[in-house]
Amino acid sequence: MTQSLQMIHRRTLLQGAAALAGSQLLAGAHAQAAKDHWPSKPIKLIVPYNAGGATDILARAFGEGLSKRVGQPVIVDNRPGASGIVGTDAVAKAAPDGHTLLMSLSSSMLVNQFLFSKLPYNPLKDITLITQVSTAPVVLAVHPSLPVKNMKELLAYAKAHPSKLSYGSYGVGSYAHLAGAYISKITNSDMNHAAYKGESQAIQELISGQYQFGFLSAQNVKPHTDTGRIKAIGVTGRQRMVVMPDVPTIYEQGVQDDAFSLVGWIAMGGPAGLPKEIITQLYAHLLEVSKDPKVQERITGAGFAPMMSTPEQFREGYLRDVPVWKALVETAGAKLD
């Protein structure tokens, strides 16, 4: 090859390399621009439960605040079904562009993987954990006829009266079911489980005496404890509820099993692969929204405690909770198809 041909060949290669580098830079710039200009359209916030529940109420509170901050509508989309699986799976399969998000309970984002033999999504692989907006402790409620005033007395009574008590829940696989089954096992009392299609029905059946105790939300049980139709003898977790400050935690009563110290949570998630830049922006906005007194009131009014963990804290806490929930499900012997 002559010197002139070599120079032409070298110049052609350099031009090709420059063009390739330029196209890669342009593609990167477009991708970065998309992230920088998030959101570019309305955000869909999927709630995998019926409208009107605590998760839905918090989703609407956060959605309204987020909409004001980002200048785009945030549309709450209720997709109930199959213990939260339907809505959660819709988010897992959505495009990871920050325009489809999830507001859900720990049940669909964590516990279901141990309950269901055929879950269509893997929570840790298919869902981006953004932030836990609140913890969700529940109330240990009993029928007034049951002669117990705290958890220790309930355990003793159950042990002394095998096969005589029933516990209720708002569904197979719910915390109320798992915790009740755990009590039945540790007291060797062979209690009956009464499963209902929702918490409203479960509460009415407790009032009528169809079963003797259960774990229920403060938001729905408090009106009935105030009138004496139900007794509240403890709450889960390690902090008392703001809305029921006179009811001691089960932990402070001296019953410190992980099953009762554990609390569920309500959290924000997204599809796997959500860009870090969008996660950072989204968390910053949600943190500011959470400081609104009206949002705080919504959280505490439901019997919950504000949390707002960072994505890193969320993942660390999630991984700590995994073995505890797994053991609780195994103890209850709950398995769903």
C-alpha atoms as a PDB file:
ATOM      1  CA  MET A   1       0.000   0.000   0.000  1.00  0.00           C
ATOM      2  CA  THR A   2       1.415   3.388  -0.999  1.00  0.00           C
ATOM      3  CA  GLN A   3       1.930   6.102   1.578  1.00  0.00           C
ATOM      4  CA  SER A   4      -0.941   8.151   0.155  1.00  0.00           C
ATOM      5  CA  LEU A   5      -3.323   5.158   0.281  1.00  0.00           C
ATOM      6  CA  GLN A   6      -2.265   4.465   3.875  1.00  0.00           C
ATOM      7  CA  MET A   7      -3.066   8.052   4.829  1.00  0.00           C
ATOM      8  CA  ILE A   8      -6.492   7.812   3.184  1.00  0.00           C
ATOM      9  CA  HIS A   9      -7.200   4.479   4.922  1.00  0.00           C
ATOM     10  CA  ARG A  10      -6.133   5.893   8.289  1.00  0.00           C
ATOM     11  CA  ARG A  11      -8.249   9.013   7.766  1.00  0.00           C
ATOM     12  CA  THR A  12     -11.285   6.861   6.874  1.00  0.00           C
ATOM     13  CA  LEU A  13     -10.866   4.772  10.042  1.00  0.00           C
ATOM     14  CA  LEU A  14     -10.540   7.872  12.197  1.00  0.00           C
ATOM     15  CA  GLN A  15     -13.643   9.418  10.639  1.00  0.00           C
ATOM     16  CA  GLY A  16     -15.596   6.182  11.216  1.00  0.00           C
ATOM     17  CA  ALA A  17     -14.477   6.013  14.834  1.00  0.00           C
ATOM     18  CA  ALA A  18     -15.392   9.641  15.354  1.00  0.00           C
ATOM     19  CA  ALA A  19     -18.826   9.074  13.836  1.00  0.00           C
ATOM     20  CA  LEU A  20     -19.418   6.035  16.049  1.00  0.00           C
ATOM     21  CA  ALA A  21     -18.319   7.912  19.151  1.00  0.00           C
ATOM     22  CA  GLY A  22     -20.532  10.816  18.163  1.00  0.00           C
ATOM     23  CA  SER A  23     -23.577   8.580  17.731  1.00  0.00           C
ATOM     24  CA  GLN A  24     -22.941   6.944  21.130  1.00  0.00           C
ATOM     25  CA  LEU A  25     -22.609  10.355  22.770  1.00  0.00           C
ATOM     26  CA  LEU A  26     -25.810  11.497  21.070  1.00  0.00           C
ATOM     27  CA  ALA A  27     -27.685   8.388  22.236  1.00  0.00           C
ATOM     28  CA  GLY A  28     -26.364   8.899  25.751  1.00  0.00           C
ATOM     29  CA  ALA A  29     -27.367  12.544  25.653  1.00  0.00           C
ATOM     30  CA  HIS A  30     -30.904  11.626  24.555  1.00  0.00           C
ATOM     31  CA  ALA A  31     -31.175   9.037  27.373  1.00  0.00           C
ATOM     32  CA  GLN A  32     -29.875  11.530  29.893  1.00  0.00           C
ATOM     33  CA  ALA A  33     -32.266  14.169  28.599  1.00  0.00           C
ATOM     34  CA  ALA A  34     -35.184  11.752  29.062  1.00  0.00           C
ATOM     35  CA  LYS A  35     -34.132  11.168  32.668  1.00  0.00           C
ATOM     36  CA  ASP A  36     -33.564  14.863  33.276  1.00  0.00           C
ATOM     37  CA  HIS A  37     -37.006  15.715  31.925  1.00  0.00           C
ATOM     38  CA  TRP A  38     -38.885  13.116  33.952  1.00  0.00           C
ATOM     39  CA  PRO A  39     -41.837  13.088  34.133  1.00  0.00           C
ATOM     40  CA  SER A  40     -42.778  13.841  30.540  1.00  0.00           C
ATOM     41  CA  LYS A  41     -46.376  12.617  30.863  1.00  0.00           C
ATOM     42  CA  PRO A  42     -48.927  11.699  33.566  1.00  0.00           C
ATOM     43  CA  ILE A  43     -47.765   9.206  36.209  1.00  0.00           C
ATOM     44  CA  LYS A  44     -49.864   6.126  36.889  1.00  0.00           C
ATOM     45  CA  LEU A  45     -49.759   5.097  40.554  1.00  0.00           C
ATOM     46  CA  ILE A  46     -51.097   1.545  40.811  1.00  0.00           C
ATOM     47  CA  VAL A  47     -52.678   0.428  44.088  1.00  0.00           C
ATOM     48  CA  PRO A  48     -53.319  -3.346  44.080  1.00  0.00           C
ATOM     49  CA  TYR A  49     -56.282  -3.032  46.470  1.00  0.00           C
ATOM     50  CA  ASN A  50     -59.787  -1.585  46.468  1.00  0.00           C
ATOM     51  CA  ALA A  51     -60.404   2.147  46.725  1.00  0.00           C
ATOM     52  CA  GLY A  52     -61.069   3.475  50.219  1.00  0.00           C
ATOM     53  CA  GLY A  53     -58.572   1.362  52.134  1.00  0.00           C
ATOM     54  CA  ALA A  54     -55.562   2.712  53.995  1.00  0.00           C
ATOM     55  CA  THR A  55     -53.163   2.036  51.110  1.00  0.00           C
ATOM     56  CA  ASP A  56     -55.445   3.816  48.671  1.00  0.00           C
ATOM     57  CA  ILE A  57     -55.874   6.782  51.029  1.00  0.00           C
ATOM     58  CA  LEU A  58     -52.105   7.226  51.389  1.00  0.00           C
ATOM     59  CA  ALA A  59     -51.565   6.760  47.650  1.00  0.00           C
ATOM     60  CA  ARG A  60     -53.965   9.603  46.915  1.00  0.00           C
ATOM     61  CA  ALA A  61     -52.351  11.848  49.529  1.00  0.00           C
ATOM     62  CA  PHE A  62     -48.845  11.261  48.173  1.00  0.00           C
ATOM     63  CA  GLY A  63     -50.055  11.348  44.577  1.00  0.00           C
ATOM     64  CA  GLU A  64     -51.645  14.762  45.031  1.00  0.00           C
ATOM     65  CA  GLY A  65     -48.494  16.167  46.608  1.00  0.00           C
ATOM     66  CA  LEU A  66     -46.220  14.614  43.997  1.00  0.00           C
ATOM     67  CA  SER A  67     -48.360  15.998  41.166  1.00  0.00           C
ATOM     68  CA  LYS A  68     -47.969  19.528  42.496  1.00  0.00           C
ATOM     69  CA  ARG A  69     -44.189  19.153  42.683  1.00  0.00           C
ATOM     70  CA  VAL A  70     -43.543  17.595  39.262  1.00  0.00           C
ATOM     71  CA  GLY A  71     -46.202  19.409  37.247  1.00  0.00           C
ATOM     72  CA  GLN A  72     -47.862  16.275  35.883  1.00  0.00           C
ATOM     73  CA  PRO A  73     -51.069  14.503  36.929  1.00  0.00           C
ATOM     74  CA  VAL A  74     -50.631  11.467  39.188  1.00  0.00           C
ATOM     75  CA  ILE A  75     -53.478   9.065  38.475  1.00  0.00           C
ATOM     76  CA  VAL A  76     -54.267   6.482  41.162  1.00  0.00           C
ATOM     77  CA  ASP A  77     -55.203   3.233  39.435  1.00  0.00           C
ATOM     78  CA  ASN A  78     -56.847   0.646  41.727  1.00  0.00           C
ATOM     79  CA  ARG A  79     -56.232  -2.898  40.484  1.00  0.00           C
ATOM     80  CA  PRO A  80     -57.363  -5.279  43.222  1.00  0.00           C
ATOM     81  CA  GLY A  81     -57.207  -9.030  42.987  1.00  0.00           C
ATOM     82  CA  ALA A  82     -55.399 -12.131  44.218  1.00  0.00           C
ATOM     83  CA  SER A  83     -53.984 -10.640  47.442  1.00  0.00           C
ATOM     84  CA  GLY A  84     -52.399  -7.714  45.623  1.00  0.00           C
ATOM     85  CA  ILE A  85     -50.785  -9.845  42.920  1.00  0.00           C
ATOM     86  CA  VAL A  86     -52.724  -8.416  39.952  1.00  0.00           C
ATOM     87  CA  GLY A  87     -51.703  -4.793  40.481  1.00  0.00           C
ATOM     88  CA  THR A  88     -48.165  -5.557  41.616  1.00  0.00           C
ATOM     89  CA  ASP A  89     -47.550  -7.736  38.562  1.00  0.00           C
ATOM     90  CA  ALA A  90     -48.776  -4.911  36.303  1.00  0.00           C
ATOM     91  CA  VAL A  91     -46.057  -2.661  37.721  1.00  0.00           C
ATOM     92  CA  ALA A  92     -43.413  -5.398  37.467  1.00  0.00           C
ATOM     93  CA  LYS A  93     -44.146  -5.683  33.730  1.00  0.00           C
ATOM     94  CA  ALA A  94     -44.352  -1.934  33.030  1.00  0.00           C
ATOM     95  CA  ALA A  95     -41.714   0.122  31.238  1.00  0.00           C
ATOM     96  CA  PRO A  96     -39.041   1.352  33.700  1.00  0.00           C
ATOM     97  CA  ASP A  97     -39.408   5.007  32.758  1.00  0.00           C
ATOM     98  CA  GLY A  98     -40.813   6.371  36.016  1.00  0.00           C
ATOM     99  CA  HIS A  99     -44.340   6.796  34.667  1.00  0.00           C
ATOM    100  CA  THR A 100     -45.775   3.643  36.276  1.00  0.00           C
ATOM    101  CA  LEU A 101     -45.332   3.307  40.035  1.00  0.00           C
ATOM    102  CA  LEU A 102     -46.668   1.113  42.832  1.00  0.00           C
ATOM    103  CA  MET A 103     -48.091   1.929  46.261  1.00  0.00           C
ATOM    104  CA  SER A 104     -48.618  -1.282  48.135  1.00  0.00           C
ATOM    105  CA  LEU A 105     -48.367  -3.256  51.348  1.00  0.00           C
ATOM    106  CA  SER A 106     -45.585  -5.538  52.472  1.00  0.00           C
ATOM    107  CA  SER A 107     -47.905  -8.452  51.691  1.00  0.00           C
ATOM    108  CA  SER A 108     -47.688  -8.069  47.903  1.00  0.00           C
ATOM    109  CA  MET A 109     -44.122  -6.741  47.860  1.00  0.00           C
ATOM    110  CA  LEU A 110     -42.605  -9.298  50.257  1.00  0.00           C
ATOM    111  CA  VAL A 111     -44.843 -11.887  51.937  1.00  0.00           C
ATOM    112  CA  ASN A 112     -46.608 -13.291  48.857  1.00  0.00           C
ATOM    113  CA  GLN A 113     -43.395 -14.885  47.600  1.00  0.00           C
ATOM    114  CA  PHE A 114     -43.618 -17.338  50.514  1.00  0.00           C
ATOM    115  CA  LEU A 115     -47.377 -17.868  50.319  1.00  0.00           C
ATOM    116  CA  PHE A 116     -47.927 -18.503  46.631  1.00  0.00           C
ATOM    117  CA  SER A 117     -46.343 -21.400  44.777  1.00  0.00           C
ATOM    118  CA  LYS A 118     -46.768 -19.639  41.425  1.00  0.00           C
ATOM    119  CA  LEU A 119     -46.120 -15.923  41.818  1.00  0.00           C
ATOM    120  CA  PRO A 120     -45.820 -14.188  38.395  1.00  0.00           C
ATOM    121  CA  TYR A 121     -43.146 -11.785  39.635  1.00  0.00           C
ATOM    122  CA  ASN A 122     -40.083 -11.939  41.859  1.00  0.00           C
ATOM    123  CA  PRO A 123     -40.313  -9.005  44.292  1.00  0.00           C
ATOM    124  CA  LEU A 124     -36.569  -8.411  44.634  1.00  0.00           C
ATOM    125  CA  LYS A 125     -35.783  -8.919  40.940  1.00  0.00           C
ATOM    126  CA  ASP A 126     -38.812  -7.350  39.277  1.00  0.00           C
ATOM    127  CA  ILE A 127     -39.647  -4.435  41.614  1.00  0.00           C
ATOM    128  CA  THR A 128     -37.501  -1.380  42.368  1.00  0.00           C
ATOM    129  CA  LEU A 129     -37.758  -0.528  46.068  1.00  0.00           C
ATOM    130  CA  ILE A 130     -38.083   3.266  46.353  1.00  0.00           C
ATOM    131  CA  THR A 131     -39.258   4.121  49.876  1.00  0.00           C
ATOM    132  CA  GLN A 132     -41.374   2.851  52.745  1.00  0.00           C
ATOM    133  CA  VAL A 133     -43.788   5.688  53.510  1.00  0.00           C
ATOM    134  CA  SER A 134     -45.110   4.232  56.762  1.00  0.00           C
ATOM    135  CA  THR A 135     -45.089   1.275  59.074  1.00  0.00           C
ATOM    136  CA  ALA A 136     -48.398  -0.556  59.490  1.00  0.00           C
ATOM    137  CA  PRO A 137     -48.817  -2.076  62.958  1.00  0.00           C
ATOM    138  CA  VAL A 138     -52.138  -3.703  63.830  1.00  0.00           C
ATOM    139  CA  VAL A 139     -54.309  -4.061  66.907  1.00  0.00           C
ATOM    140  CA  LEU A 140     -54.829  -7.293  68.827  1.00  0.00           C
ATOM    141  CA  ALA A 141     -58.586  -7.109  69.364  1.00  0.00           C
ATOM    142  CA  VAL A 142     -60.772  -9.488  71.393  1.00  0.00           C
ATOM    143  CA  HIS A 143     -64.478  -9.969  72.021  1.00  0.00           C
ATOM    144  CA  PRO A 144     -65.492  -8.383  75.373  1.00  0.00           C
ATOM    145  CA  SER A 145     -66.600 -11.769  76.676  1.00  0.00           C
ATOM    146  CA  LEU A 146     -63.059 -13.127  76.547  1.00  0.00           C
ATOM    147  CA  PRO A 147     -61.618 -12.756  80.090  1.00  0.00           C
ATOM    148  CA  VAL A 148     -58.158 -11.474  79.103  1.00  0.00           C
ATOM    149  CA  LYS A 149     -56.574  -8.020  79.364  1.00  0.00           C
ATOM    150  CA  ASN A 150     -53.228  -8.521  77.602  1.00  0.00           C
ATOM    151  CA  MET A 151     -51.263 -10.888  75.389  1.00  0.00           C
ATOM    152  CA  LYS A 152     -49.833 -12.984  78.242  1.00  0.00           C
ATOM    153  CA  GLU A 153     -53.327 -13.640  79.560  1.00  0.00           C
ATOM    154  CA  LEU A 154     -54.543 -14.529  76.049  1.00  0.00           C
ATOM    155  CA  LEU A 155     -51.717 -17.043  75.606  1.00  0.00           C
ATOM    156  CA  ALA A 156     -52.427 -18.591  78.996  1.00  0.00           C
ATOM    157  CA  TYR A 157     -56.169 -18.787  78.316  1.00  0.00           C
ATOM    158  CA  ALA A 158     -55.650 -20.391  74.902  1.00  0.00           C
ATOM    159  CA  LYS A 159     -53.288 -22.963  76.387  1.00  0.00           C
ATOM    160  CA  ALA A 160     -55.766 -23.812  79.157  1.00  0.00           C
ATOM    161  CA  HIS A 161     -58.703 -24.148  76.722  1.00  0.00           C
ATOM    162  CA  PRO A 162     -57.516 -26.214  73.735  1.00  0.00           C
ATOM    163  CA  SER A 163     -59.857 -26.336  70.736  1.00  0.00           C
ATOM    164  CA  LYS A 164     -62.184 -23.762  72.368  1.00  0.00           C
ATOM    165  CA  LEU A 165     -61.048 -20.533  70.703  1.00  0.00           C
ATOM    166  CA  SER A 166     -61.274 -19.185  67.166  1.00  0.00           C
ATOM    167  CA  TYR A 167     -59.260 -16.374  65.624  1.00  0.00           C
ATOM    168  CA  GLY A 168     -60.391 -14.350  62.641  1.00  0.00           C
ATOM    169  CA  SER A 169     -58.637 -12.783  59.688  1.00  0.00           C
ATOM    170  CA  TYR A 170     -59.417 -10.743  56.582  1.00  0.00           C
ATOM    171  CA  GLY A 171     -58.009 -13.452  54.313  1.00  0.00           C
ATOM    172  CA  VAL A 172     -55.846 -16.561  54.119  1.00  0.00           C
ATOM    173  CA  GLY A 173     -52.193 -15.530  54.185  1.00  0.00           C
ATOM    174  CA  SER A 174     -52.839 -12.142  55.789  1.00  0.00           C
ATOM    175  CA  TYR A 175     -50.833 -11.129  58.857  1.00  0.00           C
ATOM    176  CA  ALA A 176     -53.971 -11.744  60.942  1.00  0.00           C
ATOM    177  CA  HIS A 177     -54.035 -15.334  59.707  1.00  0.00           C
ATOM    178  CA  LEU A 178     -50.281 -15.917  60.138  1.00  0.00           C
ATOM    179  CA  ALA A 179     -50.131 -14.405  63.633  1.00  0.00           C
ATOM    180  CA  GLY A 180     -53.231 -16.303  64.772  1.00  0.00           C
ATOM    181  CA  ALA A 181     -51.786 -19.583  63.506  1.00  0.00           C
ATOM    182  CA  TYR A 182     -48.543 -18.779  65.316  1.00  0.00           C
ATOM    183  CA  ILE A 183     -50.425 -18.293  68.612  1.00  0.00           C
ATOM    184  CA  SER A 184     -52.265 -21.550  68.059  1.00  0.00           C
ATOM    185  CA  LYS A 185     -48.982 -23.373  67.544  1.00  0.00           C
ATOM    186  CA  ILE A 186     -46.993 -21.934  70.467  1.00  0.00           C
ATOM    187  CA  THR A 187     -49.896 -22.584  72.870  1.00  0.00           C
ATOM    188  CA  ASN A 188     -50.699 -25.988  71.340  1.00  0.00           C
ATOM    189  CA  SER A 189     -54.344 -24.936  71.489  1.00  0.00           C
ATOM    190  CA  ASP A 190     -55.559 -26.143  68.074  1.00  0.00           C
ATOM    191  CA  MET A 191     -57.612 -23.015  67.416  1.00  0.00           C
ATOM    192  CA  ASN A 192     -59.998 -22.622  64.503  1.00  0.00           C
ATOM    193  CA  HIS A 193     -59.271 -20.029  61.806  1.00  0.00           C
ATOM    194  CA  ALA A 194     -62.233 -18.003  60.555  1.00  0.00           C
ATOM    195  CA  ALA A 195     -61.252 -16.334  57.261  1.00  0.00           C
ATOM    196  CA  TYR A 196     -63.383 -13.520  55.838  1.00  0.00           C
ATOM    197  CA  LYS A 197     -63.362 -11.707  52.501  1.00  0.00           C
ATOM    198  CA  GLY A 198     -62.404  -8.378  53.988  1.00  0.00           C
ATOM    199  CA  GLU A 199     -61.753  -6.544  57.220  1.00  0.00           C
ATOM    200  CA  SER A 200     -65.196  -4.970  57.463  1.00  0.00           C
ATOM    201  CA  GLN A 201     -66.831  -8.386  57.560  1.00  0.00           C
ATOM    202  CA  ALA A 202     -64.193  -9.690  59.982  1.00  0.00           C
ATOM    203  CA  ILE A 203     -64.891  -6.847  62.401  1.00  0.00           C
ATOM    204  CA  GLN A 204     -68.646  -7.354  62.296  1.00  0.00           C
ATOM    205  CA  GLU A 205     -68.230 -11.055  62.988  1.00  0.00           C
ATOM    206  CA  LEU A 206     -65.931 -10.320  65.940  1.00  0.00           C
ATOM    207  CA  ILE A 207     -68.538  -7.932  67.362  1.00  0.00           C
ATOM    208  CA  SER A 208     -71.204 -10.622  67.023  1.00  0.00           C
ATOM    209  CA  GLY A 209     -68.977 -13.169  68.767  1.00  0.00           C
ATOM    210  CA  GLN A 210     -68.455 -15.548  65.837  1.00  0.00           C
ATOM    211  CA  TYR A 211     -64.779 -15.722  66.842  1.00  0.00           C
ATOM    212  CA  GLN A 212     -62.879 -14.516  69.897  1.00  0.00           C
ATOM    213  CA  PHE A 213     -59.856 -12.519  68.752  1.00  0.00           C
ATOM    214  CA  GLY A 214     -57.955 -11.202  65.750  1.00  0.00           C
ATOM    215  CA  PHE A 215     -55.413  -8.681  64.493  1.00  0.00           C
ATOM    216  CA  LEU A 216     -57.127  -5.692  62.883  1.00  0.00           C
ATOM    217  CA  SER A 217     -56.267  -2.206  61.642  1.00  0.00           C
ATOM    218  CA  ALA A 218     -56.585   0.701  64.063  1.00  0.00           C
ATOM    219  CA  GLN A 219     -58.443   2.751  61.478  1.00  0.00           C
ATOM    220  CA  ASN A 220     -61.305   0.267  61.309  1.00  0.00           C
ATOM    221  CA  VAL A 221     -61.324  -1.145  64.834  1.00  0.00           C
ATOM    222  CA  LYS A 222     -61.012   2.065  66.883  1.00  0.00           C
ATOM    223  CA  PRO A 223     -64.651   3.192  66.511  1.00  0.00           C
ATOM    224  CA  HIS A 224     -65.709  -0.123  68.044  1.00  0.00           C
ATOM    225  CA  THR A 225     -63.134  -0.129  70.850  1.00  0.00           C
ATOM    226  CA  ASP A 226     -64.306   3.383  71.747  1.00  0.00           C
ATOM    227  CA  THR A 227     -67.854   2.071  72.221  1.00  0.00           C
ATOM    228  CA  GLY A 228     -66.781  -1.069  74.067  1.00  0.00           C
ATOM    229  CA  ARG A 229     -68.011  -3.535  71.451  1.00  0.00           C
ATOM    230  CA  ILE A 230     -64.410  -4.726  70.995  1.00  0.00           C
ATOM    231  CA  LYS A 231     -61.468  -4.757  73.438  1.00  0.00           C
ATOM    232  CA  ALA A 232     -57.986  -3.734  72.277  1.00  0.00           C
ATOM    233  CA  ILE A 233     -55.343  -5.547  74.360  1.00  0.00           C
ATOM    234  CA  GLY A 234     -52.156  -4.867  72.412  1.00  0.00           C
ATOM    235  CA  VAL A 235     -50.528  -3.606  69.225  1.00  0.00           C
ATOM    236  CA  THR A 236     -47.754  -5.077  67.107  1.00  0.00           C
ATOM    237  CA  GLY A 237     -44.349  -3.485  66.671  1.00  0.00           C
ATOM    238  CA  ARG A 238     -42.300  -1.666  69.295  1.00  0.00           C
ATOM    239  CA  GLN A 239     -43.975   1.738  69.322  1.00  0.00           C
ATOM    240  CA  ARG A 240     -47.465   2.635  70.509  1.00  0.00           C
ATOM    241  CA  MET A 241     -49.913   4.022  68.002  1.00  0.00           C
ATOM    242  CA  VAL A 242     -50.602   7.738  67.982  1.00  0.00           C
ATOM    243  CA  VAL A 243     -54.344   7.097  67.562  1.00  0.00           C
ATOM    244  CA  MET A 244     -54.464   4.523  70.394  1.00  0.00           C
ATOM    245  CA  PRO A 245     -51.768   5.702  72.832  1.00  0.00           C
ATOM    246  CA  ASP A 246     -53.237   3.879  75.841  1.00  0.00           C
ATOM    247  CA  VAL A 247     -52.901   0.450  74.233  1.00  0.00           C
ATOM    248  CA  PRO A 248     -49.459  -1.033  75.030  1.00  0.00           C
ATOM    249  CA  THR A 249     -47.404  -2.890  72.473  1.00  0.00           C
ATOM    250  CA  ILE A 250     -47.219  -6.657  72.791  1.00  0.00           C
ATOM    251  CA  TYR A 251     -43.460  -6.226  73.033  1.00  0.00           C
ATOM    252  CA  GLU A 252     -43.652  -4.004  76.116  1.00  0.00           C
ATOM    253  CA  GLN A 253     -46.013  -6.542  77.694  1.00  0.00           C
ATOM    254  CA  GLY A 254     -43.045  -8.911  77.748  1.00  0.00           C
ATOM    255  CA  VAL A 255     -44.025 -11.066  74.766  1.00  0.00           C
ATOM    256  CA  GLN A 256     -41.105 -10.320  72.476  1.00  0.00           C
ATOM    257  CA  ASP A 257     -41.416 -12.946  69.750  1.00  0.00           C
ATOM    258  CA  ASP A 258     -40.404 -11.713  66.291  1.00  0.00           C
ATOM    259  CA  ALA A 259     -43.898 -12.571  65.054  1.00  0.00           C
ATOM    260  CA  PHE A 260     -45.373  -9.716  67.123  1.00  0.00           C
ATOM    261  CA  SER A 261     -42.460  -7.255  66.953  1.00  0.00           C
ATOM    262  CA  LEU A 262     -42.658  -7.392  63.177  1.00  0.00           C
ATOM    263  CA  VAL A 263     -44.802  -4.786  61.456  1.00  0.00           C
ATOM    264  CA  GLY A 264     -46.002  -4.492  57.923  1.00  0.00           C
ATOM    265  CA  TRP A 265     -45.481  -1.358  55.864  1.00  0.00           C
ATOM    266  CA  ILE A 266     -46.831   0.675  52.991  1.00  0.00           C
ATOM    267  CA  ALA A 267     -44.255   1.465  50.340  1.00  0.00           C
ATOM    268  CA  MET A 268     -43.612   2.981  46.939  1.00  0.00           C
ATOM    269  CA  GLY A 269     -42.028   0.856  44.240  1.00  0.00           C
ATOM    270  CA  GLY A 270     -41.521   0.745  40.503  1.00  0.00           C
ATOM    271  CA  PRO A 271     -40.486  -1.649  37.749  1.00  0.00           C
ATOM    272  CA  ALA A 272     -37.007  -3.159  37.849  1.00  0.00           C
ATOM    273  CA  GLY A 273     -34.435  -1.163  35.929  1.00  0.00           C
ATOM    274  CA  LEU A 274     -35.756   2.233  36.992  1.00  0.00           C
ATOM    275  CA  PRO A 275     -32.883   4.678  36.345  1.00  0.00           C
ATOM    276  CA  LYS A 276     -31.049   5.867  39.435  1.00  0.00           C
ATOM    277  CA  GLU A 277     -31.553   9.495  38.425  1.00  0.00           C
ATOM    278  CA  ILE A 278     -35.329   9.062  38.458  1.00  0.00           C
ATOM    279  CA  ILE A 279     -35.238   7.187  41.771  1.00  0.00           C
ATOM    280  CA  THR A 280     -33.223  10.026  43.305  1.00  0.00           C
ATOM    281  CA  GLN A 281     -35.613  12.700  42.016  1.00  0.00           C
ATOM    282  CA  LEU A 282     -38.679  10.727  43.022  1.00  0.00           C
ATOM    283  CA  TYR A 283     -37.471  10.050  46.553  1.00  0.00           C
ATOM    284  CA  ALA A 284     -36.560  13.728  47.042  1.00  0.00           C
ATOM    285  CA  HIS A 285     -40.058  14.788  45.981  1.00  0.00           C
ATOM    286  CA  LEU A 286     -41.780  12.164  48.144  1.00  0.00           C
ATOM    287  CA  LEU A 287     -39.711  13.171  51.160  1.00  0.00           C
ATOM    288  CA  GLU A 288     -40.944  16.742  50.838  1.00  0.00           C
ATOM    289  CA  VAL A 289     -44.531  15.592  50.288  1.00  0.00           C
ATOM    290  CA  SER A 290     -44.335  13.512  53.479  1.00  0.00           C
ATOM    291  CA  LYS A 291     -43.645  16.667  55.513  1.00  0.00           C
ATOM    292  CA  ASP A 292     -47.060  18.131  54.673  1.00  0.00           C
ATOM    293  CA  PRO A 293     -49.156  18.169  57.894  1.00  0.00           C
ATOM    294  CA  LYS A 294     -52.167  16.850  55.966  1.00  0.00           C
ATOM    295  CA  VAL A 295     -50.180  13.856  54.746  1.00  0.00           C
ATOM    296  CA  GLN A 296     -48.855  13.246  58.255  1.00  0.00           C
ATOM    297  CA  GLU A 297     -52.427  13.344  59.544  1.00  0.00           C
ATOM    298  CA  ARG A 298     -53.518  10.787  56.950  1.00  0.00           C
ATOM    299  CA  ILE A 299     -50.729   8.434  58.034  1.00  0.00           C
ATOM    300  CA  THR A 300     -51.220   8.713  61.789  1.00  0.00           C
ATOM    301  CA  GLY A 301     -55.005   8.752  61.445  1.00  0.00           C
ATOM    302  CA  ALA A 302     -54.817   5.284  59.939  1.00  0.00           C
ATOM    303  CA  GLY A 303     -52.856   4.095  62.964  1.00  0.00           C
ATOM    304  CA  PHE A 304     -49.587   4.091  61.058  1.00  0.00           C
ATOM    305  CA  ALA A 305     -46.239   5.801  61.707  1.00  0.00           C
ATOM    306  CA  PRO A 306     -44.432   7.906  59.055  1.00  0.00           C
ATOM    307  CA  MET A 307     -41.201   6.316  57.864  1.00  0.00           C
ATOM    308  CA  MET A 308     -39.701   7.576  54.552  1.00  0.00           C
ATOM    309  CA  SER A 309     -36.721   5.250  54.338  1.00  0.00           C
ATOM    310  CA  THR A 310     -34.141   5.898  51.635  1.00  0.00           C
ATOM    311  CA  PRO A 311     -33.992   3.296  48.826  1.00  0.00           C
ATOM    312  CA  GLU A 312     -30.867   1.865  50.478  1.00  0.00           C
ATOM    313  CA  GLN A 313     -32.516   1.693  53.918  1.00  0.00           C
ATOM    314  CA  PHE A 314     -35.600   0.136  52.357  1.00  0.00           C
ATOM    315  CA  ARG A 315     -33.563  -2.673  50.794  1.00  0.00           C
ATOM    316  CA  GLU A 316     -31.592  -3.311  54.007  1.00  0.00           C
ATOM    317  CA  GLY A 317     -34.782  -3.504  56.091  1.00  0.00           C
ATOM    318  CA  TYR A 318     -36.459  -5.650  53.456  1.00  0.00           C
ATOM    319  CA  LEU A 319     -33.651  -8.208  53.567  1.00  0.00           C
ATOM    320  CA  ARG A 320     -33.805  -8.270  57.393  1.00  0.00           C
ATOM    321  CA  ASP A 321     -37.556  -8.929  57.298  1.00  0.00           C
ATOM    322  CA  VAL A 322     -37.388 -11.732  54.722  1.00  0.00           C
ATOM    323  CA  PRO A 323     -36.380 -14.610  57.060  1.00  0.00           C
ATOM    324  CA  VAL A 324     -38.860 -13.518  59.755  1.00  0.00           C
ATOM    325  CA  TRP A 325     -41.809 -13.456  57.354  1.00  0.00           C
ATOM    326  CA  LYS A 326     -40.695 -16.718  55.774  1.00  0.00           C
ATOM    327  CA  ALA A 327     -40.591 -18.431  59.180  1.00  0.00           C
ATOM    328  CA  LEU A 328     -44.004 -17.007  60.100  1.00  0.00           C
ATOM    329  CA  VAL A 329     -45.567 -18.368  56.906  1.00  0.00           C
ATOM    330  CA  GLU A 330     -43.968 -21.747  57.458  1.00  0.00           C
ATOM    331  CA  THR A 331     -45.210 -21.840  61.067  1.00  0.00           C
ATOM    332  CA  ALA A 332     -48.747 -21.058  59.914  1.00  0.00           C
ATOM    333  CA  GLY A 333     -48.529 -23.743  57.253  1.00  0.00           C
ATOM    334  CA  ALA A 334     -50.161 -21.374  54.775  1.00  0.00           C
ATOM    335  CA  LYS A 335     -49.638 -22.159  51.087  1.00  0.00           C
ATOM    336  CA  LEU A 336     -51.685 -20.808  48.196  1.00  0.00           C
ATOM    337  CA  ASP A 337     -51.763 -21.652  44.480  1.00  0.00           C
END
